[in-house]
All heavy atoms as atom14 arrays in JSON, in Angstrom:
{
  "sequence": "VILFVFCAFIVFIGILHFINSQKREIRFYPIPKKSKFQKVLKFFSQK",
  "atom14_mask": [
    [1, 1, 1, 1, 1, 1, 1, 0, 0, 0, 0, 0, 0, 0],
    [1, 1, 1, 1, 1, 1, 1, 1, 0, 0, 0, 0, 0, 0],
    [1, 1, 1, 1, 1, 1, 1, 1, 0, 0, 0, 0, 0, 0],
    [1, 1, 1, 1, 1, 1, 1, 1, 1, 1, 1, 0, 0, 0],
    [1, 1, 1, 1, 1, 1, 1, 0, 0, 0, 0, 0, 0, 0],
    [1, 1, 1, 1, 1, 1, 1, 1, 1, 1, 1, 0, 0, 0],
    [1, 1, 1, 1, 1, 1, 0, 0, 0, 0, 0, 0, 0, 0],
    [1, 1, 1, 1, 1, 0, 0, 0, 0, 0, 0, 0, 0, 0],
    [1, 1, 1, 1, 1, 1, 1, 1, 1, 1, 1, 0, 0, 0],
    [1, 1, 1, 1, 1, 1, 1, 1, 0, 0, 0, 0, 0, 0],
    [1, 1, 1, 1, 1, 1, 1, 0, 0, 0, 0, 0, 0, 0],
    [1, 1, 1, 1, 1, 1, 1, 1, 1, 1, 1, 0, 0, 0],
    [1, 1, 1, 1, 1, 1, 1, 1, 0, 0, 0, 0, 0, 0],
    [1, 1, 1, 1, 0, 0, 0, 0, 0, 0, 0, 0, 0, 0],
    [1, 1, 1, 1, 1, 1, 1, 1, 0, 0, 0, 0, 0, 0],
    [1, 1, 1, 1, 1, 1, 1, 1, 0, 0, 0, 0, 0, 0],
    [1, 1, 1, 1, 1, 1, 1, 1, 1, 1, 0, 0, 0, 0],
    [1, 1, 1, 1, 1, 1, 1, 1, 1, 1, 1, 0, 0, 0],
    [1, 1, 1, 1, 1, 1, 1, 1, 0, 0, 0, 0, 0, 0],
    [1, 1, 1, 1, 1, 1, 1, 1, 0, 0, 0, 0, 0, 0],
    [1, 1, 1, 1, 1, 1, 0, 0, 0, 0, 0, 0, 0, 0],
    [1, 1, 1, 1, 1, 1, 1, 1, 1, 0, 0, 0, 0, 0],
    [1, 1, 1, 1, 1, 1, 1, 1, 1, 0, 0, 0, 0, 0],
    [1, 1, 1, 1, 1, 1, 1, 1, 1, 1, 1, 0, 0, 0],
    [1, 1, 1, 1, 1, 1, 1, 1, 1, 0, 0, 0, 0, 0],
    [1, 1, 1, 1, 1, 1, 1, 1, 0, 0, 0, 0, 0, 0],
    [1, 1, 1, 1, 1, 1, 1, 1, 1, 1, 1, 0, 0, 0],
    [1, 1, 1, 1, 1, 1, 1, 1, 1, 1, 1, 0, 0, 0],
    [1, 1, 1, 1, 1, 1, 1, 1, 1, 1, 1, 1, 0, 0],
    [1, 1, 1, 1, 1, 1, 1, 0, 0, 0, 0, 0, 0, 0],
    [1, 1, 1, 1, 1, 1, 1, 1, 0, 0, 0, 0, 0, 0],
    [1, 1, 1, 1, 1, 1, 1, 0, 0, 0, 0, 0, 0, 0],
    [1, 1, 1, 1, 1, 1, 1, 1, 1, 0, 0, 0, 0, 0],
    [1, 1, 1, 1, 1, 1, 1, 1, 1, 0, 0, 0, 0, 0],
    [1, 1, 1, 1, 1, 1, 0, 0, 0, 0, 0, 0, 0, 0],
    [1, 1, 1, 1, 1, 1, 1, 1, 1, 0, 0, 0, 0, 0],
    [1, 1, 1, 1, 1, 1, 1, 1, 1, 1, 1, 0, 0, 0],
    [1, 1, 1, 1, 1, 1, 1, 1, 1, 0, 0, 0, 0, 0],
    [1, 1, 1, 1, 1, 1, 1, 1, 1, 0, 0, 0, 0, 0],
    [1, 1, 1, 1, 1, 1, 1, 0, 0, 0, 0, 0, 0, 0],
    [1, 1, 1, 1, 1, 1, 1, 1, 0, 0, 0, 0, 0, 0],
    [1, 1, 1, 1, 1, 1, 1, 1, 1, 0, 0, 0, 0, 0],
    [1, 1, 1, 1, 1, 1, 1, 1, 1, 1, 1, 0, 0, 0],
    [1, 1, 1, 1, 1, 1, 1, 1, 1, 1, 1, 0, 0, 0],
    [1, 1, 1, 1, 1, 1, 0, 0, 0, 0, 0, 0, 0, 0],
    [1, 1, 1, 1, 1, 1, 1, 1, 1, 0, 0, 0, 0, 0],
    [1, 1, 1, 1, 1, 1, 1, 1, 1, 0, 0, 0, 0, 0]
  ],
  "atom14_positions": [
    [[-18.54, 33.09, 143.07], [-17.77, 34.19, 143.64], [-16.29, 34.04, 143.3], [-15.62, 34.98, 142.88], [-17.97, 34.27, 145.17], [-16.95, 35.24, 145.79], [-19.38, 34.74, 145.5], [0.0, 0.0, 0.0], [0.0, 0.0, 0.0], [0.0, 0.0, 0.0], [0.0, 0.0, 0.0], [0.0, 0.0, 0.0], [0.0, 0.0, 0.0], [0.0, 0.0, 0.0]],
    [[-15.78, 32.81, 143.49], [-14.37, 32.53, 143.19], [-14.1, 32.75, 141.69], [-13.08, 33.36, 141.31], [-13.99, 31.09, 143.6], [-14.02, 30.97, 145.13], [-12.61, 30.72, 143.08], [-13.88, 29.56, 145.64], [0.0, 0.0, 0.0], [0.0, 0.0, 0.0], [0.0, 0.0, 0.0], [0.0, 0.0, 0.0], [0.0, 0.0, 0.0], [0.0, 0.0, 0.0]],
    [[-15.03, 32.3, 140.85], [-14.88, 32.46, 139.4], [-14.87, 33.93, 139.01], [-14.05, 34.38, 138.2], [-16.0, 31.73, 138.66], [-15.95, 31.75, 137.13], [-14.69, 31.05, 136.63], [-17.2, 31.11, 136.54], [0.0, 0.0, 0.0], [0.0, 0.0, 0.0], [0.0, 0.0, 0.0], [0.0, 0.0, 0.0], [0.0, 0.0, 0.0], [0.0, 0.0, 0.0]],
    [[-15.75, 34.72, 139.63], [-15.82, 36.15, 139.35], [-14.52, 36.86, 139.74], [-13.98, 37.66, 138.99], [-17.0, 36.78, 140.1], [-17.07, 38.28, 139.97], [-17.56, 38.88, 138.81], [-16.61, 39.09, 141.0], [-17.6, 40.26, 138.69], [-16.64, 40.48, 140.88], [-17.14, 41.06, 139.72], [0.0, 0.0, 0.0], [0.0, 0.0, 0.0], [0.0, 0.0, 0.0]],
    [[-14.03, 36.54, 140.95], [-12.79, 37.16, 141.43], [-11.62, 36.79, 140.52], [-10.79, 37.64, 140.19], [-12.49, 36.72, 142.88], [-11.1, 37.17, 143.31], [-13.54, 37.3, 143.83], [0.0, 0.0, 0.0], [0.0, 0.0, 0.0], [0.0, 0.0, 0.0], [0.0, 0.0, 0.0], [0.0, 0.0, 0.0], [0.0, 0.0, 0.0], [0.0, 0.0, 0.0]],
    [[-11.58, 35.53, 140.1], [-10.51, 35.06, 139.23], [-10.54, 35.8, 137.89], [-9.51, 36.28, 137.39], [-10.63, 33.55, 139.0], [-9.61, 33.0, 138.03], [-8.29, 32.83, 138.42], [-9.98, 32.66, 136.73], [-7.36, 32.33, 137.53], [-9.04, 32.17, 135.84], [-7.73, 32.0, 136.25], [0.0, 0.0, 0.0], [0.0, 0.0, 0.0], [0.0, 0.0, 0.0]],
    [[-11.74, 35.93, 137.31], [-11.88, 36.61, 136.02], [-11.5, 38.09, 136.14], [-10.83, 38.65, 135.25], [-13.31, 36.48, 135.5], [-13.73, 34.8, 134.98], [0.0, 0.0, 0.0], [0.0, 0.0, 0.0], [0.0, 0.0, 0.0], [0.0, 0.0, 0.0], [0.0, 0.0, 0.0], [0.0, 0.0, 0.0], [0.0, 0.0, 0.0], [0.0, 0.0, 0.0]],
    [[-11.93, 38.72, 137.24], [-11.6, 40.13, 137.46], [-10.09, 40.31, 137.58], [-9.52, 41.28, 137.07], [-12.3, 40.63, 138.72], [0.0, 0.0, 0.0], [0.0, 0.0, 0.0], [0.0, 0.0, 0.0], [0.0, 0.0, 0.0], [0.0, 0.0, 0.0], [0.0, 0.0, 0.0], [0.0, 0.0, 0.0], [0.0, 0.0, 0.0], [0.0, 0.0, 0.0]],
    [[-9.43, 39.36, 138.25], [-7.98, 39.43, 138.42], [-7.28, 39.31, 137.07], [-6.34, 40.07, 136.77], [-7.51, 38.31, 139.35], [-6.03, 38.23, 139.53], [-5.37, 39.17, 140.31], [-5.28, 37.24, 138.9], [-4.0, 39.11, 140.47], [-3.92, 37.18, 139.06], [-3.27, 38.11, 139.85], [0.0, 0.0, 0.0], [0.0, 0.0, 0.0], [0.0, 0.0, 0.0]],
    [[-7.75, 38.39, 136.22], [-7.16, 38.2, 134.9], [-7.32, 39.47, 134.05], [-6.39, 39.9, 133.37], [-7.82, 36.99, 134.18], [-7.45, 35.67, 134.89], [-7.39, 36.93, 132.71], [-5.98, 35.35, 134.89], [0.0, 0.0, 0.0], [0.0, 0.0, 0.0], [0.0, 0.0, 0.0], [0.0, 0.0, 0.0], [0.0, 0.0, 0.0], [0.0, 0.0, 0.0]],
    [[-8.52, 40.08, 134.1], [-8.76, 41.31, 133.34], [-7.85, 42.43, 133.84], [-7.27, 43.18, 133.05], [-10.25, 41.73, 133.47], [-10.46, 43.14, 132.89], [-11.14, 40.73, 132.74], [0.0, 0.0, 0.0], [0.0, 0.0, 0.0], [0.0, 0.0, 0.0], [0.0, 0.0, 0.0], [0.0, 0.0, 0.0], [0.0, 0.0, 0.0], [0.0, 0.0, 0.0]],
    [[-7.71, 42.52, 135.18], [-6.86, 43.56, 135.78], [-5.41, 43.4, 135.33], [-4.75, 44.38, 134.94], [-6.95, 43.47, 137.3], [-6.05, 44.44, 138.02], [-6.32, 45.8, 138.01], [-4.93, 43.98, 138.71], [-5.48, 46.69, 138.67], [-4.09, 44.88, 139.37], [-4.38, 46.23, 139.35], [0.0, 0.0, 0.0], [0.0, 0.0, 0.0], [0.0, 0.0, 0.0]],
    [[-4.9, 42.18, 135.35], [-3.53, 41.9, 134.91], [-3.37, 42.26, 133.43], [-2.36, 42.84, 133.01], [-3.16, 40.42, 135.15], [-3.08, 40.11, 136.64], [-1.84, 40.07, 134.48], [-2.02, 40.88, 137.4], [0.0, 0.0, 0.0], [0.0, 0.0, 0.0], [0.0, 0.0, 0.0], [0.0, 0.0, 0.0], [0.0, 0.0, 0.0], [0.0, 0.0, 0.0]],
    [[-4.4, 41.93, 132.63], [-4.36, 42.25, 131.2], [-4.28, 43.74, 130.94], [-3.54, 44.2, 130.09], [0.0, 0.0, 0.0], [0.0, 0.0, 0.0], [0.0, 0.0, 0.0], [0.0, 0.0, 0.0], [0.0, 0.0, 0.0], [0.0, 0.0, 0.0], [0.0, 0.0, 0.0], [0.0, 0.0, 0.0], [0.0, 0.0, 0.0], [0.0, 0.0, 0.0]],
    [[-5.07, 44.51, 131.72], [-5.07, 45.96, 131.58], [-3.71, 46.54, 131.95], [-3.16, 47.41, 131.26], [-6.19, 46.6, 132.43], [-7.56, 46.25, 131.85], [-6.01, 48.12, 132.5], [-8.72, 46.63, 132.72], [0.0, 0.0, 0.0], [0.0, 0.0, 0.0], [0.0, 0.0, 0.0], [0.0, 0.0, 0.0], [0.0, 0.0, 0.0], [0.0, 0.0, 0.0]],
    [[-3.13, 46.07, 133.06], [-1.81, 46.53, 133.49], [-0.76, 46.24, 132.43], [0.09, 47.08, 132.13], [-1.41, 45.86, 134.8], [-2.01, 46.42, 136.09], [-1.49, 45.64, 137.29], [-1.69, 47.9, 136.25], [0.0, 0.0, 0.0], [0.0, 0.0, 0.0], [0.0, 0.0, 0.0], [0.0, 0.0, 0.0], [0.0, 0.0, 0.0], [0.0, 0.0, 0.0]],
    [[-0.82, 45.03, 131.86], [0.13, 44.64, 130.82], [0.0, 45.54, 129.6], [0.99, 45.98, 129.02], [-0.1, 43.19, 130.42], [0.81, 42.72, 129.32], [2.14, 42.46, 129.52], [0.57, 42.49, 128.0], [2.7, 42.09, 128.38], [1.76, 42.11, 127.44], [0.0, 0.0, 0.0], [0.0, 0.0, 0.0], [0.0, 0.0, 0.0], [0.0, 0.0, 0.0]],
    [[-1.26, 45.86, 129.23], [-1.5, 46.71, 128.07], [-0.94, 48.12, 128.32], [-0.28, 48.7, 127.46], [-3.0, 46.8, 127.78], [-3.34, 47.75, 126.68], [-3.13, 47.42, 125.35], [-3.86, 49.01, 126.97], [-3.45, 48.3, 124.34], [-4.18, 49.89, 125.96], [-3.97, 49.53, 124.64], [0.0, 0.0, 0.0], [0.0, 0.0, 0.0], [0.0, 0.0, 0.0]],
    [[-1.21, 48.67, 129.51], [-0.73, 50.01, 129.83], [0.79, 50.07, 129.81], [1.39, 50.99, 129.25], [-1.26, 50.46, 131.22], [-2.78, 50.68, 131.14], [-0.56, 51.72, 131.69], [-3.43, 50.92, 132.48], [0.0, 0.0, 0.0], [0.0, 0.0, 0.0], [0.0, 0.0, 0.0], [0.0, 0.0, 0.0], [0.0, 0.0, 0.0], [0.0, 0.0, 0.0]],
    [[1.43, 49.05, 130.41], [2.89, 49.03, 130.45], [3.49, 48.88, 129.05], [4.51, 49.49, 128.73], [3.39, 47.89, 131.34], [3.14, 48.17, 132.82], [3.11, 49.33, 133.23], [2.95, 47.14, 133.61], [0.0, 0.0, 0.0], [0.0, 0.0, 0.0], [0.0, 0.0, 0.0], [0.0, 0.0, 0.0], [0.0, 0.0, 0.0], [0.0, 0.0, 0.0]],
    [[2.85, 48.06, 128.23], [3.36, 47.86, 126.86], [3.22, 49.15, 126.06], [4.1, 49.49, 125.26], [2.62, 46.72, 126.16], [1.28, 47.07, 125.91], [0.0, 0.0, 0.0], [0.0, 0.0, 0.0], [0.0, 0.0, 0.0], [0.0, 0.0, 0.0], [0.0, 0.0, 0.0], [0.0, 0.0, 0.0], [0.0, 0.0, 0.0], [0.0, 0.0, 0.0]],
    [[2.11, 49.88, 126.29], [1.94, 51.15, 125.59], [3.01, 52.15, 126.01], [3.54, 52.89, 125.19], [0.54, 51.72, 125.87], [-0.58, 50.93, 125.22], [-0.49, 50.92, 123.7], [-0.49, 51.97, 123.07], [-0.39, 49.75, 123.11], [0.0, 0.0, 0.0], [0.0, 0.0, 0.0], [0.0, 0.0, 0.0], [0.0, 0.0, 0.0], [0.0, 0.0, 0.0]],
    [[3.3, 52.18, 127.3], [4.33, 53.09, 127.81], [5.69, 52.79, 127.19], [6.47, 53.67, 126.89], [4.43, 52.99, 129.33], [3.29, 53.68, 130.06], [3.44, 53.54, 131.55], [2.31, 54.24, 132.29], [2.42, 54.08, 133.75], [0.0, 0.0, 0.0], [0.0, 0.0, 0.0], [0.0, 0.0, 0.0], [0.0, 0.0, 0.0], [0.0, 0.0, 0.0]],
    [[5.98, 51.5, 126.98], [7.26, 51.13, 126.4], [7.32, 51.51, 124.93], [8.36, 51.91, 124.43], [7.49, 49.62, 126.56], [7.86, 49.19, 127.96], [8.42, 47.78, 127.94], [7.49, 46.84, 127.41], [6.59, 46.16, 128.12], [6.49, 46.39, 129.41], [5.77, 45.31, 127.56], [0.0, 0.0, 0.0], [0.0, 0.0, 0.0], [0.0, 0.0, 0.0]],
    [[6.2, 51.37, 124.24], [6.21, 51.52, 122.79], [6.06, 52.96, 122.33], [6.49, 53.31, 121.24], [5.09, 50.66, 122.18], [5.34, 49.16, 122.33], [4.13, 48.34, 121.93], [3.13, 48.92, 121.49], [4.18, 47.12, 122.08], [0.0, 0.0, 0.0], [0.0, 0.0, 0.0], [0.0, 0.0, 0.0], [0.0, 0.0, 0.0], [0.0, 0.0, 0.0]],
    [[5.41, 53.8, 123.12], [5.12, 55.15, 122.67], [6.34, 56.05, 122.83], [6.5, 56.75, 123.82], [3.89, 55.74, 123.39], [2.67, 54.88, 123.12], [3.61, 57.16, 122.9], [1.44, 55.31, 123.87], [0.0, 0.0, 0.0], [0.0, 0.0, 0.0], [0.0, 0.0, 0.0], [0.0, 0.0, 0.0], [0.0, 0.0, 0.0], [0.0, 0.0, 0.0]],
    [[7.2, 55.97, 121.87], [8.34, 56.9, 121.76], [8.6, 57.08, 120.27], [8.36, 56.16, 119.48], [9.58, 56.35, 122.47], [10.02, 54.97, 122.04], [11.42, 54.65, 122.56], [11.47, 54.69, 124.0], [11.36, 53.62, 124.79], [11.16, 52.43, 124.25], [11.45, 53.73, 126.1], [0.0, 0.0, 0.0], [0.0, 0.0, 0.0], [0.0, 0.0, 0.0]],
    [[9.05, 58.25, 119.9], [9.22, 58.49, 118.47], [10.39, 57.69, 117.91], [10.29, 57.09, 116.84], [9.41, 59.98, 118.18], [9.33, 60.28, 116.72], [8.1, 60.38, 116.09], [10.48, 60.43, 115.96], [8.02, 60.63, 114.73], [10.4, 60.68, 114.6], [9.18, 60.78, 113.98], [0.0, 0.0, 0.0], [0.0, 0.0, 0.0], [0.0, 0.0, 0.0]],
    [[11.5, 57.7, 118.64], [12.66, 56.94, 118.18], [12.7, 55.6, 118.9], [12.93, 55.56, 120.11], [13.95, 57.71, 118.44], [14.13, 58.9, 117.53], [14.21, 60.19, 118.04], [14.22, 58.72, 116.15], [14.37, 61.29, 117.19], [14.39, 59.81, 115.3], [14.46, 61.08, 115.83], [14.61, 62.15, 114.98], [0.0, 0.0, 0.0], [0.0, 0.0, 0.0]],
    [[12.48, 54.5, 118.18], [12.57, 53.18, 118.83], [13.99, 52.93, 119.32], [14.96, 53.29, 118.65], [12.2, 52.21, 117.7], [12.37, 52.96, 116.43], [12.19, 54.41, 116.75], [0.0, 0.0, 0.0], [0.0, 0.0, 0.0], [0.0, 0.0, 0.0], [0.0, 0.0, 0.0], [0.0, 0.0, 0.0], [0.0, 0.0, 0.0], [0.0, 0.0, 0.0]],
    [[14.1, 52.35, 120.51], [15.43, 52.13, 121.1], [15.72, 50.63, 121.16], [15.17, 49.92, 122.0], [15.52, 52.74, 122.51], [15.24, 54.24, 122.45], [16.89, 52.47, 123.12], [15.24, 54.92, 123.79], [0.0, 0.0, 0.0], [0.0, 0.0, 0.0], [0.0, 0.0, 0.0], [0.0, 0.0, 0.0], [0.0, 0.0, 0.0], [0.0, 0.0, 0.0]],
    [[16.55, 50.14, 120.26], [16.92, 48.71, 120.3], [17.77, 48.42, 121.53], [18.61, 49.22, 121.93], [17.73, 48.52, 119.01], [18.15, 49.87, 118.59], [17.21, 50.85, 119.17], [0.0, 0.0, 0.0], [0.0, 0.0, 0.0], [0.0, 0.0, 0.0], [0.0, 0.0, 0.0], [0.0, 0.0, 0.0], [0.0, 0.0, 0.0], [0.0, 0.0, 0.0]],
    [[17.53, 47.26, 122.15], [18.19, 46.95, 123.42], [19.56, 46.3, 123.25], [20.41, 46.37, 124.13], [17.28, 46.04, 124.25], [15.99, 46.71, 124.69], [15.11, 45.77, 125.49], [13.82, 46.46, 125.91], [12.94, 45.55, 126.66], [0.0, 0.0, 0.0], [0.0, 0.0, 0.0], [0.0, 0.0, 0.0], [0.0, 0.0, 0.0], [0.0, 0.0, 0.0]],
    [[19.77, 45.62, 122.15], [21.0, 44.86, 121.99], [22.21, 45.78, 121.8], [22.12, 46.84, 121.18], [20.87, 43.9, 120.81], [19.83, 42.8, 121.06], [19.79, 41.82, 119.91], [18.75, 40.73, 120.17], [18.66, 39.77, 119.05], [0.0, 0.0, 0.0], [0.0, 0.0, 0.0], [0.0, 0.0, 0.0], [0.0, 0.0, 0.0], [0.0, 0.0, 0.0]],
    [[23.34, 45.35, 122.32], [24.56, 46.17, 122.3], [25.06, 46.43, 120.88], [25.72, 47.43, 120.63], [25.66, 45.49, 123.12], [25.93, 44.19, 122.6], [0.0, 0.0, 0.0], [0.0, 0.0, 0.0], [0.0, 0.0, 0.0], [0.0, 0.0, 0.0], [0.0, 0.0, 0.0], [0.0, 0.0, 0.0], [0.0, 0.0, 0.0], [0.0, 0.0, 0.0]],
    [[24.72, 45.54, 119.96], [25.22, 45.72, 118.58], [24.6, 46.93, 117.89], [25.07, 47.36, 116.83], [24.98, 44.46, 117.75], [23.53, 44.07, 117.57], [23.45, 42.75, 116.8], [22.03, 42.22, 116.73], [21.96, 40.9, 116.06], [0.0, 0.0, 0.0], [0.0, 0.0, 0.0], [0.0, 0.0, 0.0], [0.0, 0.0, 0.0], [0.0, 0.0, 0.0]],
    [[23.57, 47.49, 118.49], [22.95, 48.68, 117.92], [23.52, 49.98, 118.49], [23.11, 51.06, 118.09], [21.44, 48.67, 118.14], [20.73, 47.55, 117.43], [20.12, 46.53, 118.14], [20.69, 47.51, 116.05], [19.48, 45.51, 117.49], [20.04, 46.49, 115.39], [19.43, 45.48, 116.12], [0.0, 0.0, 0.0], [0.0, 0.0, 0.0], [0.0, 0.0, 0.0]],
    [[24.42, 49.87, 119.44], [24.92, 51.08, 120.1], [25.61, 52.04, 119.14], [25.48, 53.26, 119.26], [25.88, 50.69, 121.24], [25.21, 49.96, 122.4], [23.98, 50.7, 122.9], [24.06, 51.88, 123.26], [22.85, 50.02, 122.93], [0.0, 0.0, 0.0], [0.0, 0.0, 0.0], [0.0, 0.0, 0.0], [0.0, 0.0, 0.0], [0.0, 0.0, 0.0]],
    [[26.33, 51.49, 118.18], [27.0, 52.37, 117.2], [25.99, 53.09, 116.32], [26.21, 54.24, 115.93], [27.97, 51.55, 116.33], [29.29, 51.24, 117.01], [30.28, 50.64, 116.03], [31.64, 50.42, 116.67], [32.61, 49.87, 115.71], [0.0, 0.0, 0.0], [0.0, 0.0, 0.0], [0.0, 0.0, 0.0], [0.0, 0.0, 0.0], [0.0, 0.0, 0.0]],
    [[24.88, 52.42, 116.01], [23.83, 53.05, 115.23], [23.31, 54.28, 115.96], [23.21, 55.38, 115.4], [22.66, 52.07, 114.96], [21.48, 52.79, 114.31], [23.13, 50.93, 114.06], [0.0, 0.0, 0.0], [0.0, 0.0, 0.0], [0.0, 0.0, 0.0], [0.0, 0.0, 0.0], [0.0, 0.0, 0.0], [0.0, 0.0, 0.0], [0.0, 0.0, 0.0]],
    [[23.0, 54.11, 117.25], [22.49, 55.21, 118.06], [23.54, 56.31, 118.23], [23.22, 57.51, 118.2], [22.03, 54.7, 119.43], [20.91, 53.65, 119.4], [20.6, 53.17, 120.81], [19.66, 54.2, 118.74], [0.0, 0.0, 0.0], [0.0, 0.0, 0.0], [0.0, 0.0, 0.0], [0.0, 0.0, 0.0], [0.0, 0.0, 0.0], [0.0, 0.0, 0.0]],
    [[24.79, 55.89, 118.39], [25.88, 56.86, 118.58], [26.07, 57.72, 117.32], [26.1, 58.95, 117.4], [27.18, 56.12, 118.91], [28.39, 57.04, 119.05], [29.68, 56.22, 119.2], [30.91, 57.11, 119.18], [32.16, 56.34, 119.21], [0.0, 0.0, 0.0], [0.0, 0.0, 0.0], [0.0, 0.0, 0.0], [0.0, 0.0, 0.0], [0.0, 0.0, 0.0]],
    [[26.19, 57.06, 116.16], [26.4, 57.8, 114.91], [25.2, 58.7, 114.61], [25.38, 59.83, 114.12], [26.64, 56.84, 113.74], [27.93, 56.08, 113.82], [28.04, 54.78, 113.34], [29.07, 56.66, 114.38], [29.23, 54.07, 113.4], [30.28, 55.96, 114.45], [30.35, 54.66, 113.96], [0.0, 0.0, 0.0], [0.0, 0.0, 0.0], [0.0, 0.0, 0.0]],
    [[24.0, 58.22, 114.92], [22.82, 59.02, 114.64], [22.77, 60.26, 115.55], [22.54, 61.37, 115.07], [21.56, 58.18, 114.85], [20.29, 58.93, 114.59], [19.85, 59.14, 113.29], [19.54, 59.45, 115.64], [18.68, 59.86, 113.04], [18.38, 60.16, 115.41], [17.94, 60.37, 114.11], [0.0, 0.0, 0.0], [0.0, 0.0, 0.0], [0.0, 0.0, 0.0]],
    [[23.0, 60.06, 116.84], [22.92, 61.18, 117.79], [24.01, 62.22, 117.52], [23.81, 63.41, 117.75], [23.01, 60.67, 119.22], [24.28, 60.07, 119.46], [0.0, 0.0, 0.0], [0.0, 0.0, 0.0], [0.0, 0.0, 0.0], [0.0, 0.0, 0.0], [0.0, 0.0, 0.0], [0.0, 0.0, 0.0], [0.0, 0.0, 0.0], [0.0, 0.0, 0.0]],
    [[25.16, 61.77, 117.02], [26.26, 62.7, 116.72], [26.22, 63.22, 115.28], [27.11, 63.95, 114.85], [27.6, 62.0, 116.98], [27.81, 61.64, 118.45], [29.11, 60.89, 118.69], [29.81, 60.5, 117.76], [29.43, 60.69, 119.96], [0.0, 0.0, 0.0], [0.0, 0.0, 0.0], [0.0, 0.0, 0.0], [0.0, 0.0, 0.0], [0.0, 0.0, 0.0]],
    [[25.19, 62.81, 114.54], [24.97, 63.23, 113.15], [26.15, 62.87, 112.25], [26.48, 63.6, 111.3], [24.68, 64.73, 113.08], [23.38, 65.11, 113.78], [23.02, 66.57, 113.58], [21.69, 66.88, 114.26], [21.28, 68.28, 114.08], [0.0, 0.0, 0.0], [0.0, 0.0, 0.0], [0.0, 0.0, 0.0], [0.0, 0.0, 0.0], [0.0, 0.0, 0.0]]
  ]
}
């Protein structure tokens, strides 16, 4: 019973992680987090 609950918990965490990662990745324009990319985004958005 303990083994089953543990395995189910691991699968559940894996599914949540997959869903969250998909939500982060599914965007047309990738958004770099580092500040050194801010000028890239600025120049691009202002054409």
